Amino acid sequence: FQEVESGKNSARPELAKALATCRMRRSTLLVAKLDRLARN
């Protein structure tokens, strides 16, 4: 699932879908966040 953030909008509809899919498939949620400062 991919969330495109706009500065104003704090809604996370794709995250909700990802969590629902995790529950349904008994999977682990893996979140990748690029750290802009450390670039890792």
PDB file of all heavy atoms in Angstrom:
ATOM      1  N   PHE A   1       0.858  -1.186   0.000  1.00  0.00           N
ATOM      2  CA  PHE A   1       0.000   0.000   0.000  1.00  0.00           C
ATOM      3  C   PHE A   1       0.890   1.230   0.000  1.00  0.00           C
ATOM      4  O   PHE A   1       1.903   1.263   0.702  1.00  0.00           O
ATOM      5  CB  PHE A   1      -0.919   0.001   1.235  1.00  0.00           C
ATOM      6  CG  PHE A   1      -1.896  -1.137   1.223  1.00  0.00           C
ATOM      7  CD1 PHE A   1      -1.542  -2.370   1.754  1.00  0.00           C
ATOM      8  CD2 PHE A   1      -3.146  -0.994   0.657  1.00  0.00           C
ATOM      9  CE1 PHE A   1      -2.426  -3.446   1.730  1.00  0.00           C
ATOM     10  CE2 PHE A   1      -4.045  -2.063   0.622  1.00  0.00           C
ATOM     11  CZ  PHE A   1      -3.677  -3.288   1.161  1.00  0.00           C
ATOM     12  N   GLN A   2       0.526   2.228  -0.792  1.00  0.00           N
ATOM     13  CA  GLN A   2       1.338   3.432  -0.890  1.00  0.00           C
ATOM     14  C   GLN A   2       0.489   4.661  -0.602  1.00  0.00           C
ATOM     15  O   GLN A   2      -0.561   4.852  -1.196  1.00  0.00           O
ATOM     16  CB  GLN A   2       1.944   3.537  -2.292  1.00  0.00           C
ATOM     17  CG  GLN A   2       2.874   4.709  -2.459  1.00  0.00           C
ATOM     18  CD  GLN A   2       3.472   4.754  -3.854  1.00  0.00           C
ATOM     19  OE1 GLN A   2       3.894   3.732  -4.381  1.00  0.00           O
ATOM     20  NE2 GLN A   2       3.504   5.926  -4.444  1.00  0.00           N
ATOM     21  N   GLU A   3       0.955   5.458   0.338  1.00  0.00           N
ATOM     22  CA  GLU A   3       0.247   6.680   0.731  1.00  0.00           C
ATOM     23  C   GLU A   3       1.002   7.863   0.154  1.00  0.00           C
ATOM     24  O   GLU A   3       2.206   7.995   0.358  1.00  0.00           O
ATOM     25  CB  GLU A   3       0.281   6.787   2.264  1.00  0.00           C
ATOM     26  CG  GLU A   3      -0.760   7.703   2.838  1.00  0.00           C
ATOM     27  CD  GLU A   3      -2.034   6.933   3.181  1.00  0.00           C
ATOM     28  OE1 GLU A   3      -2.019   6.139   4.134  1.00  0.00           O
ATOM     29  OE2 GLU A   3      -3.036   7.115   2.481  1.00  0.00           O
ATOM     30  N   VAL A   4       0.297   8.704  -0.611  1.00  0.00           N
ATOM     31  CA  VAL A   4       0.902   9.958  -1.050  1.00  0.00           C
ATOM     32  C   VAL A   4       0.401  11.044  -0.114  1.00  0.00           C
ATOM     33  O   VAL A   4      -0.788  11.306  -0.036  1.00  0.00           O
ATOM     34  CB  VAL A   4       0.546  10.284  -2.518  1.00  0.00           C
ATOM     35  CG1 VAL A   4       1.164  11.615  -2.927  1.00  0.00           C
ATOM     36  CG2 VAL A   4       1.036   9.172  -3.434  1.00  0.00           C
ATOM     37  N   GLU A   5       1.311  11.637   0.634  1.00  0.00           N
ATOM     38  CA  GLU A   5       0.956  12.647   1.626  1.00  0.00           C
ATOM     39  C   GLU A   5       0.880  14.026   0.997  1.00  0.00           C
ATOM     40  O   GLU A   5       1.768  14.406   0.247  1.00  0.00           O
ATOM     41  CB  GLU A   5       2.057  12.737   2.687  1.00  0.00           C
ATOM     42  CG  GLU A   5       2.185  11.582   3.602  1.00  0.00           C
ATOM     43  CD  GLU A   5       3.300  11.868   4.594  1.00  0.00           C
ATOM     44  OE1 GLU A   5       3.026  12.575   5.576  1.00  0.00           O
ATOM     45  OE2 GLU A   5       4.428  11.410   4.361  1.00  0.00           O
ATOM     46  N   SER A   6      -0.158  14.750   1.359  1.00  0.00           N
ATOM     47  CA  SER A   6      -0.135  16.177   1.073  1.00  0.00           C
ATOM     48  C   SER A   6       0.057  16.849   2.419  1.00  0.00           C
ATOM     49  O   SER A   6      -0.291  16.291   3.450  1.00  0.00           O
ATOM     50  CB  SER A   6      -1.440  16.628   0.425  1.00  0.00           C
ATOM     51  OG  SER A   6      -2.482  16.575   1.367  1.00  0.00           O
ATOM     52  N   GLY A   7       0.625  18.031   2.419  1.00  0.00           N
ATOM     53  CA  GLY A   7       0.930  18.704   3.678  1.00  0.00           C
ATOM     54  C   GLY A   7      -0.276  18.879   4.581  1.00  0.00           C
ATOM     55  O   GLY A   7      -0.182  18.760   5.791  1.00  0.00           O
ATOM     56  N   LYS A   8      -1.433  19.163   3.980  1.00  0.00           N
ATOM     57  CA  LYS A   8      -2.620  19.495   4.776  1.00  0.00           C
ATOM     58  C   LYS A   8      -3.345  18.269   5.317  1.00  0.00           C
ATOM     59  O   LYS A   8      -3.914  18.309   6.394  1.00  0.00           O
ATOM     60  CB  LYS A   8      -3.609  20.297   3.908  1.00  0.00           C
ATOM     61  CG  LYS A   8      -3.083  21.648   3.484  1.00  0.00           C
ATOM     62  CD  LYS A   8      -4.113  22.427   2.684  1.00  0.00           C
ATOM     63  CE  LYS A   8      -4.338  21.829   1.306  1.00  0.00           C
ATOM     64  NZ  LYS A   8      -3.232  22.083   0.364  1.00  0.00           N
ATOM     65  N   ASN A   9      -3.311  17.199   4.555  1.00  0.00           N
ATOM     66  CA  ASN A   9      -4.176  16.059   4.855  1.00  0.00           C
ATOM     67  C   ASN A   9      -3.496  15.071   5.786  1.00  0.00           C
ATOM     68  O   ASN A   9      -2.458  14.509   5.455  1.00  0.00           O
ATOM     69  CB  ASN A   9      -4.548  15.376   3.530  1.00  0.00           C
ATOM     70  CG  ASN A   9      -5.583  14.295   3.727  1.00  0.00           C
ATOM     71  OD1 ASN A   9      -6.078  14.090   4.840  1.00  0.00           O
ATOM     72  ND2 ASN A   9      -5.918  13.598   2.661  1.00  0.00           N
ATOM     73  N   SER A  10      -4.087  14.831   6.957  1.00  0.00           N
ATOM     74  CA  SER A  10      -3.480  13.882   7.893  1.00  0.00           C
ATOM     75  C   SER A  10      -4.166  12.519   7.830  1.00  0.00           C
ATOM     76  O   SER A  10      -3.808  11.609   8.565  1.00  0.00           O
ATOM     77  CB  SER A  10      -3.537  14.428   9.319  1.00  0.00           C
ATOM     78  OG  SER A  10      -4.872  14.571   9.712  1.00  0.00           O
ATOM     79  N   ALA A  11      -5.151  12.366   6.953  1.00  0.00           N
ATOM     80  CA  ALA A  11      -5.836  11.076   6.815  1.00  0.00           C
ATOM     81  C   ALA A  11      -4.871  10.045   6.237  1.00  0.00           C
ATOM     82  O   ALA A  11      -4.006  10.373   5.440  1.00  0.00           O
ATOM     83  CB  ALA A  11      -7.052  11.221   5.910  1.00  0.00           C
ATOM     84  N   ARG A  12      -5.013   8.802   6.664  1.00  0.00           N
ATOM     85  CA  ARG A  12      -4.150   7.728   6.180  1.00  0.00           C
ATOM     86  C   ARG A  12      -5.001   6.551   5.714  1.00  0.00           C
ATOM     87  O   ARG A  12      -4.960   5.474   6.321  1.00  0.00           O
ATOM     88  CB  ARG A  12      -3.194   7.263   7.298  1.00  0.00           C
ATOM     89  CG  ARG A  12      -2.285   8.343   7.850  1.00  0.00           C
ATOM     90  CD  ARG A  12      -1.001   8.455   7.068  1.00  0.00           C
ATOM     91  NE  ARG A  12      -0.145   9.489   7.614  1.00  0.00           N
ATOM     92  CZ  ARG A  12      -0.101  10.739   7.133  1.00  0.00           C
ATOM     93  NH1 ARG A  12      -0.871  11.096   6.132  1.00  0.00           N
ATOM     94  NH2 ARG A  12       0.719  11.615   7.672  1.00  0.00           N
ATOM     95  N   PRO A  13      -5.782   6.738   4.652  1.00  0.00           N
ATOM     96  CA  PRO A  13      -6.674   5.646   4.216  1.00  0.00           C
ATOM     97  C   PRO A  13      -5.924   4.380   3.809  1.00  0.00           C
ATOM     98  O   PRO A  13      -6.392   3.275   4.062  1.00  0.00           O
ATOM     99  CB  PRO A  13      -7.429   6.244   3.026  1.00  0.00           C
ATOM    100  CG  PRO A  13      -6.608   7.420   2.583  1.00  0.00           C
ATOM    101  CD  PRO A  13      -5.925   7.930   3.816  1.00  0.00           C
ATOM    102  N   GLU A  14      -4.753   4.532   3.205  1.00  0.00           N
ATOM    103  CA  GLU A  14      -4.003   3.345   2.773  1.00  0.00           C
ATOM    104  C   GLU A  14      -3.457   2.571   3.975  1.00  0.00           C
ATOM    105  O   GLU A  14      -3.353   1.348   3.936  1.00  0.00           O
ATOM    106  CB  GLU A  14      -2.864   3.743   1.825  1.00  0.00           C
ATOM    107  CG  GLU A  14      -3.354   4.281   0.487  1.00  0.00           C
ATOM    108  CD  GLU A  14      -4.235   3.300  -0.265  1.00  0.00           C
ATOM    109  OE1 GLU A  14      -3.799   2.153  -0.478  1.00  0.00           O
ATOM    110  OE2 GLU A  14      -5.355   3.674  -0.652  1.00  0.00           O
ATOM    111  N   LEU A  15      -3.095   3.300   5.036  1.00  0.00           N
ATOM    112  CA  LEU A  15      -2.623   2.623   6.250  1.00  0.00           C
ATOM    113  C   LEU A  15      -3.745   1.777   6.846  1.00  0.00           C
ATOM    114  O   LEU A  15      -3.522   0.642   7.272  1.00  0.00           O
ATOM    115  CB  LEU A  15      -2.119   3.643   7.273  1.00  0.00           C
ATOM    116  CG  LEU A  15      -1.590   3.057   8.588  1.00  0.00           C
ATOM    117  CD1 LEU A  15      -0.480   2.051   8.360  1.00  0.00           C
ATOM    118  CD2 LEU A  15      -1.120   4.178   9.512  1.00  0.00           C
ATOM    119  N   ALA A  16      -4.950   2.310   6.843  1.00  0.00           N
ATOM    120  CA  ALA A  16      -6.102   1.553   7.358  1.00  0.00           C
ATOM    121  C   ALA A  16      -6.304   0.272   6.551  1.00  0.00           C
ATOM    122  O   ALA A  16      -6.551  -0.806   7.111  1.00  0.00           O
ATOM    123  CB  ALA A  16      -7.361   2.417   7.319  1.00  0.00           C
ATOM    124  N   LYS A  17      -6.169   0.377   5.224  1.00  0.00           N
ATOM    125  CA  LYS A  17      -6.312  -0.806   4.367  1.00  0.00           C
ATOM    126  C   LYS A  17      -5.200  -1.811   4.646  1.00  0.00           C
ATOM    127  O   LYS A  17      -5.430  -3.027   4.670  1.00  0.00           O
ATOM    128  CB  LYS A  17      -6.258  -0.402   2.890  1.00  0.00           C
ATOM    129  CG  LYS A  17      -7.480   0.328   2.387  1.00  0.00           C
ATOM    130  CD  LYS A  17      -7.344   0.556   0.888  1.00  0.00           C
ATOM    131  CE  LYS A  17      -8.016   1.848   0.475  1.00  0.00           C
ATOM    132  NZ  LYS A  17      -7.684   2.209  -0.918  1.00  0.00           N
ATOM    133  N   ALA A  18      -3.978  -1.300   4.845  1.00  0.00           N
ATOM    134  CA  ALA A  18      -2.837  -2.180   5.114  1.00  0.00           C
ATOM    135  C   ALA A  18      -3.059  -2.955   6.412  1.00  0.00           C
ATOM    136  O   ALA A  18      -2.812  -4.159   6.480  1.00  0.00           O
ATOM    137  CB  ALA A  18      -1.548  -1.359   5.186  1.00  0.00           C
ATOM    138  N   LEU A  19      -3.547  -2.247   7.450  1.00  0.00           N
ATOM    139  CA  LEU A  19      -3.794  -2.903   8.738  1.00  0.00           C
ATOM    140  C   LEU A  19      -4.892  -3.957   8.620  1.00  0.00           C
ATOM    141  O   LEU A  19      -4.790  -5.039   9.202  1.00  0.00           O
ATOM    142  CB  LEU A  19      -4.169  -1.854   9.793  1.00  0.00           C
ATOM    143  CG  LEU A  19      -3.001  -0.969  10.243  1.00  0.00           C
ATOM    144  CD1 LEU A  19      -3.511   0.223  11.045  1.00  0.00           C
ATOM    145  CD2 LEU A  19      -1.990  -1.774  11.053  1.00  0.00           C
ATOM    146  N   ALA A  20      -5.927  -3.639   7.867  1.00  0.00           N
ATOM    147  CA  ALA A  20      -7.021  -4.597   7.667  1.00  0.00           C
ATOM    148  C   ALA A  20      -6.506  -5.846   6.949  1.00  0.00           C
ATOM    149  O   ALA A  20      -6.873  -6.974   7.291  1.00  0.00           O
ATOM    150  CB  ALA A  20      -8.154  -3.950   6.871  1.00  0.00           C
ATOM    151  N   THR A  21      -5.647  -5.640   5.975  1.00  0.00           N
ATOM    152  CA  THR A  21      -5.063  -6.765   5.223  1.00  0.00           C
ATOM    153  C   THR A  21      -4.188  -7.621   6.137  1.00  0.00           C
ATOM    154  O   THR A  21      -4.209  -8.850   6.052  1.00  0.00           O
ATOM    155  CB  THR A  21      -4.246  -6.250   4.021  1.00  0.00           C
ATOM    156  OG1 THR A  21      -5.097  -5.444   3.199  1.00  0.00           O
ATOM    157  CG2 THR A  21      -3.688  -7.399   3.193  1.00  0.00           C
ATOM    158  N   CYS A  22      -3.435  -6.969   7.029  1.00  0.00           N
ATOM    159  CA  CYS A  22      -2.615  -7.704   8.000  1.00  0.00           C
ATOM    160  C   CYS A  22      -3.468  -8.620   8.858  1.00  0.00           C
ATOM    161  O   CYS A  22      -3.121  -9.783   9.076  1.00  0.00           O
ATOM    162  CB  CYS A  22      -1.874  -6.730   8.921  1.00  0.00           C
ATOM    163  SG  CYS A  22      -0.424  -6.017   8.185  1.00  0.00           S
ATOM    164  N   ARG A  23      -4.578  -8.082   9.351  1.00  0.00           N
ATOM    165  CA  ARG A  23      -5.454  -8.885  10.213  1.00  0.00           C
ATOM    166  C   ARG A  23      -6.035 -10.060   9.435  1.00  0.00           C
ATOM    167  O   ARG A  23      -6.062 -11.193   9.916  1.00  0.00           O
ATOM    168  CB  ARG A  23      -6.575  -8.011  10.789  1.00  0.00           C
ATOM    169  CG  ARG A  23      -6.117  -7.120  11.934  1.00  0.00           C
ATOM    170  CD  ARG A  23      -7.280  -6.474  12.640  1.00  0.00           C
ATOM    171  NE  ARG A  23      -7.942  -5.482  11.823  1.00  0.00           N
ATOM    172  CZ  ARG A  23      -7.623  -4.190  11.799  1.00  0.00           C
ATOM    173  NH1 ARG A  23      -6.624  -3.735  12.538  1.00  0.00           N
ATOM    174  NH2 ARG A  23      -8.282  -3.345  11.037  1.00  0.00           N
ATOM    175  N   MET A  24      -6.479  -9.767   8.221  1.00  0.00           N
ATOM    176  CA  MET A  24      -7.130 -10.778   7.406  1.00  0.00           C
ATOM    177  C   MET A  24      -6.163 -11.908   7.040  1.00  0.00           C
ATOM    178  O   MET A  24      -6.514 -13.082   7.059  1.00  0.00           O
ATOM    179  CB  MET A  24      -7.667 -10.113   6.138  1.00  0.00           C
ATOM    180  CG  MET A  24      -8.608 -10.932   5.326  1.00  0.00           C
ATOM    181  SD  MET A  24      -9.294  -9.903   3.991  1.00  0.00           S
ATOM    182  CE  MET A  24      -7.838  -9.635   2.967  1.00  0.00           C
ATOM    183  N   ARG A  25      -4.925 -11.537   6.698  1.00  0.00           N
ATOM    184  CA  ARG A  25      -3.958 -12.530   6.221  1.00  0.00           C
ATOM    185  C   ARG A  25      -2.979 -12.969   7.301  1.00  0.00           C
ATOM    186  O   ARG A  25      -2.058 -13.723   7.027  1.00  0.00           O
ATOM    187  CB  ARG A  25      -3.199 -11.970   5.018  1.00  0.00           C
ATOM    188  CG  ARG A  25      -4.157 -11.488   3.919  1.00  0.00           C
ATOM    189  CD  ARG A  25      -3.440 -11.251   2.637  1.00  0.00           C
ATOM    190  NE  ARG A  25      -2.908 -12.511   2.092  1.00  0.00           N
ATOM    191  CZ  ARG A  25      -2.654 -12.718   0.800  1.00  0.00           C
ATOM    192  NH1 ARG A  25      -2.877 -11.759  -0.063  1.00  0.00           N
ATOM    193  NH2 ARG A  25      -2.157 -13.850   0.392  1.00  0.00           N
ATOM    194  N   ARG A  26      -3.167 -12.452   8.519  1.00  0.00           N
ATOM    195  CA  ARG A  26      -2.255 -12.748   9.623  1.00  0.00           C
ATOM    196  C   ARG A  26      -0.810 -12.450   9.229  1.00  0.00           C
ATOM    197  O   ARG A  26       0.094 -13.273   9.425  1.00  0.00           O
ATOM    198  CB  ARG A  26      -2.379 -14.203  10.068  1.00  0.00           C
ATOM    199  CG  ARG A  26      -3.785 -14.572  10.526  1.00  0.00           C
ATOM    200  CD  ARG A  26      -3.767 -15.813  11.395  1.00  0.00           C
ATOM    201  NE  ARG A  26      -5.069 -16.403  11.650  1.00  0.00           N
ATOM    202  CZ  ARG A  26      -6.095 -15.795  12.241  1.00  0.00           C
ATOM    203  NH1 ARG A  26      -6.001 -14.540  12.602  1.00  0.00           N
ATOM    204  NH2 ARG A  26      -7.235 -16.430  12.453  1.00  0.00           N
ATOM    205  N   SER A  27      -0.622 -11.268   8.673  1.00  0.00           N
ATOM    206  CA  SER A  27       0.694 -10.847   8.214  1.00  0.00           C
ATOM    207  C   SER A  27       1.264  -9.785   9.137  1.00  0.00           C
ATOM    208  O   SER A  27       0.552  -9.214   9.963  1.00  0.00           O
ATOM    209  CB  SER A  27       0.593 -10.282   6.789  1.00  0.00           C
ATOM    210  OG  SER A  27       0.140 -11.272   5.890  1.00  0.00           O
ATOM    211  N   THR A  28       2.546  -9.508   8.970  1.00  0.00           N
ATOM    212  CA  THR A  28       3.234  -8.471   9.732  1.00  0.00           C
ATOM    213  C   THR A  28       3.280  -7.201   8.898  1.00  0.00           C
ATOM    214  O   THR A  28       3.630  -7.254   7.709  1.00  0.00           O
ATOM    215  CB  THR A  28       4.675  -8.923  10.050  1.00  0.00           C
ATOM    216  OG1 THR A  28       4.618 -10.124  10.809  1.00  0.00           O
ATOM    217  CG2 THR A  28       5.429  -7.854  10.840  1.00  0.00           C
ATOM    218  N   LEU A  29       2.938  -6.076   9.512  1.00  0.00           N
ATOM    219  CA  LEU A  29       3.010  -4.805   8.795  1.00  0.00           C
ATOM    220  C   LEU A  29       4.461  -4.342   8.746  1.00  0.00           C
ATOM    221  O   LEU A  29       5.153  -4.296   9.766  1.00  0.00           O
ATOM    222  CB  LEU A  29       2.157  -3.742   9.495  1.00  0.00           C
ATOM    223  CG  LEU A  29       2.123  -2.373   8.798  1.00  0.00           C
ATOM    224  CD1 LEU A  29       1.427  -2.468   7.442  1.00  0.00           C
ATOM    225  CD2 LEU A  29       1.443  -1.337   9.675  1.00  0.00           C
ATOM    226  N   LEU A  30       4.918  -4.012   7.563  1.00  0.00           N
ATOM    227  CA  LEU A  30       6.278  -3.527   7.370  1.00  0.00           C
ATOM    228  C   LEU A  30       6.173  -2.100   6.836  1.00  0.00           C
ATOM    229  O   LEU A  30       5.584  -1.868   5.779  1.00  0.00           O
ATOM    230  CB  LEU A  30       7.002  -4.434   6.370  1.00  0.00           C
ATOM    231  CG  LEU A  30       8.478  -4.219   6.119  1.00  0.00           C
ATOM    232  CD1 LEU A  30       9.275  -4.349   7.416  1.00  0.00           C
ATOM    233  CD2 LEU A  30       8.979  -5.229   5.097  1.00  0.00           C
ATOM    234  N   VAL A  31       6.708  -1.149   7.613  1.00  0.00           N
ATOM    235  CA  VAL A  31       6.616   0.258   7.234  1.00  0.00           C
ATOM    236  C   VAL A  31       8.002   0.746   6.842  1.00  0.00           C
ATOM    237  O   VAL A  31       8.952   0.617   7.623  1.00  0.00           O
ATOM    238  CB  VAL A  31       6.081   1.122   8.397  1.00  0.00           C
ATOM    239  CG1 VAL A  31       6.061   2.597   8.004  1.00  0.00           C
ATOM    240  CG2 VAL A  31       4.694   0.651   8.817  1.00  0.00           C
ATOM    241  N   ALA A  32       8.112   1.286   5.655  1.00  0.00           N
ATOM    242  CA  ALA A  32       9.392   1.844   5.213  1.00  0.00           C
ATOM    243  C   ALA A  32       9.251   3.355   5.176  1.00  0.00           C
ATOM    244  O   ALA A  32       8.372   3.887   4.528  1.00  0.00           O
ATOM    245  CB  ALA A  32       9.751   1.321   3.830  1.00  0.00           C
ATOM    246  N   LYS A  33      10.114   4.019   5.926  1.00  0.00           N
ATOM    247  CA  LYS A  33      10.057   5.474   5.957  1.00  0.00           C
ATOM    248  C   LYS A  33      11.451   5.996   5.678  1.00  0.00           C
ATOM    249  O   LYS A  33      12.404   5.640   6.353  1.00  0.00           O
ATOM    250  CB  LYS A  33       9.589   5.940   7.340  1.00  0.00           C
ATOM    251  CG  LYS A  33       9.490   7.440   7.477  1.00  0.00           C
ATOM    252  CD  LYS A  33       8.944   7.783   8.858  1.00  0.00           C
ATOM    253  CE  LYS A  33       9.022   9.270   9.127  1.00  0.00           C
ATOM    254  NZ  LYS A  33      10.420   9.729   9.248  1.00  0.00           N
ATOM    255  N   LEU A  34      11.564   6.819   4.674  1.00  0.00           N
ATOM    256  CA  LEU A  34      12.873   7.371   4.351  1.00  0.00           C
ATOM    257  C   LEU A  34      13.146   8.556   5.255  1.00  0.00           C
ATOM    258  O   LEU A  34      12.391   9.520   5.277  1.00  0.00           O
ATOM    259  CB  LEU A  34      12.906   7.809   2.887  1.00  0.00           C
ATOM    260  CG  LEU A  34      14.313   7.856   2.305  1.00  0.00           C
ATOM    261  CD1 LEU A  34      14.839   6.434   2.122  1.00  0.00           C
ATOM    262  CD2 LEU A  34      14.309   8.582   0.978  1.00  0.00           C
ATOM    263  N   ASP A  35      14.243   8.467   6.013  1.00  0.00           N
ATOM    264  CA  ASP A  35      14.609   9.541   6.926  1.00  0.00           C
ATOM    265  C   ASP A  35      15.384  10.595   6.139  1.00  0.00           C
ATOM    266  O   ASP A  35      16.475  10.336   5.671  1.00  0.00           O
ATOM    267  CB  ASP A  35      15.475   8.954   8.053  1.00  0.00           C
ATOM    268  CG  ASP A  35      15.840  10.000   9.094  1.00  0.00           C
ATOM    269  OD1 ASP A  35      16.115  11.147   8.725  1.00  0.00           O
ATOM    270  OD2 ASP A  35      15.851   9.646  10.275  1.00  0.00           O
ATOM    271  N   ARG A  36      14.785  11.765   5.989  1.00  0.00           N
ATOM    272  CA  ARG A  36      15.396  12.772   5.123  1.00  0.00           C
ATOM    273  C   ARG A  36      16.708  13.314   5.676  1.00  0.00           C
ATOM    274  O   ARG A  36      17.546  13.799   4.930  1.00  0.00           O
ATOM    275  CB  ARG A  36      14.426  13.934   4.911  1.00  0.00           C
ATOM    276  CG  ARG A  36      13.236  13.575   4.052  1.00  0.00           C
ATOM    277  CD  ARG A  36      12.242  14.713   4.009  1.00  0.00           C
ATOM    278  NE  ARG A  36      10.968  14.313   3.416  1.00  0.00           N
ATOM    279  CZ  ARG A  36      10.050  13.603   4.035  1.00  0.00           C
ATOM    280  NH1 ARG A  36      10.261  13.191   5.277  1.00  0.00           N
ATOM    281  NH2 ARG A  36       8.930  13.286   3.447  1.00  0.00           N
ATOM    282  N   LEU A  37      16.892  13.273   6.988  1.00  0.00           N
ATOM    283  CA  LEU A  37      18.125  13.811   7.577  1.00  0.00           C
ATOM    284  C   LEU A  37      19.270  12.832   7.432  1.00  0.00           C
ATOM    285  O   LEU A  37      20.340  13.174   6.947  1.00  0.00           O
ATOM    286  CB  LEU A  37      17.898  14.154   9.055  1.00  0.00           C
ATOM    287  CG  LEU A  37      16.886  15.269   9.308  1.00  0.00           C
ATOM    288  CD1 LEU A  37      16.652  15.421  10.809  1.00  0.00           C
ATOM    289  CD2 LEU A  37      17.387  16.588   8.726  1.00  0.00           C
ATOM    290  N   ALA A  38      19.050  11.622   7.873  1.00  0.00           N
ATOM    291  CA  ALA A  38      20.121  10.625   7.861  1.00  0.00           C
ATOM    292  C   ALA A  38      20.231   9.968   6.490  1.00  0.00           C
ATOM    293  O   ALA A  38      21.224   9.322   6.191  1.00  0.00           O
ATOM    294  CB  ALA A  38      19.868   9.566   8.925  1.00  0.00           C
ATOM    295  N   ARG A  39      19.208  10.118   5.661  1.00  0.00           N
ATOM    296  CA  ARG A  39      19.159   9.471   4.339  1.00  0.00           C
ATOM    297  C   ARG A  39      19.339   7.963   4.438  1.00  0.00           C
ATOM    298  O   ARG A  39      20.016   7.359   3.620  1.00  0.00           O
ATOM    299  CB  ARG A  39      20.207  10.068   3.392  1.00  0.00           C
ATOM    300  CG  ARG A  39      19.940  11.521   3.062  1.00  0.00           C
ATOM    301  CD  ARG A  39      20.763  11.976   1.883  1.00  0.00           C
ATOM    302  NE  ARG A  39      20.540  13.395   1.610  1.00  0.00           N
ATOM    303  CZ  ARG A  39      19.507  13.910   0.965  1.00  0.00           C
ATOM    304  NH1 ARG A  39      18.552  13.116   0.536  1.00  0.00           N
ATOM    305  NH2 ARG A  39      19.399  15.199   0.769  1.00  0.00           N
ATOM    306  N   ASN A  40      18.755   7.386   5.461  1.00  0.00           N
ATOM    307  CA  ASN A  40      18.758   5.930   5.526  1.00  0.00           C
ATOM    308  C   ASN A  40      17.341   5.470   5.767  1.00  0.00           C
ATOM    309  O   ASN A  40      16.475   6.255   6.108  1.00  0.00           O
ATOM    310  CB  ASN A  40      19.708   5.413   6.618  1.00  0.00           C
ATOM    311  CG  ASN A  40      19.197   5.719   8.011  1.00  0.00           C
ATOM    312  OD1 ASN A  40      18.312   6.553   8.176  1.00  0.00           O
ATOM    313  ND2 ASN A  40      19.757   5.077   8.998  1.00  0.00           N
TER     314      ASN A  40
END
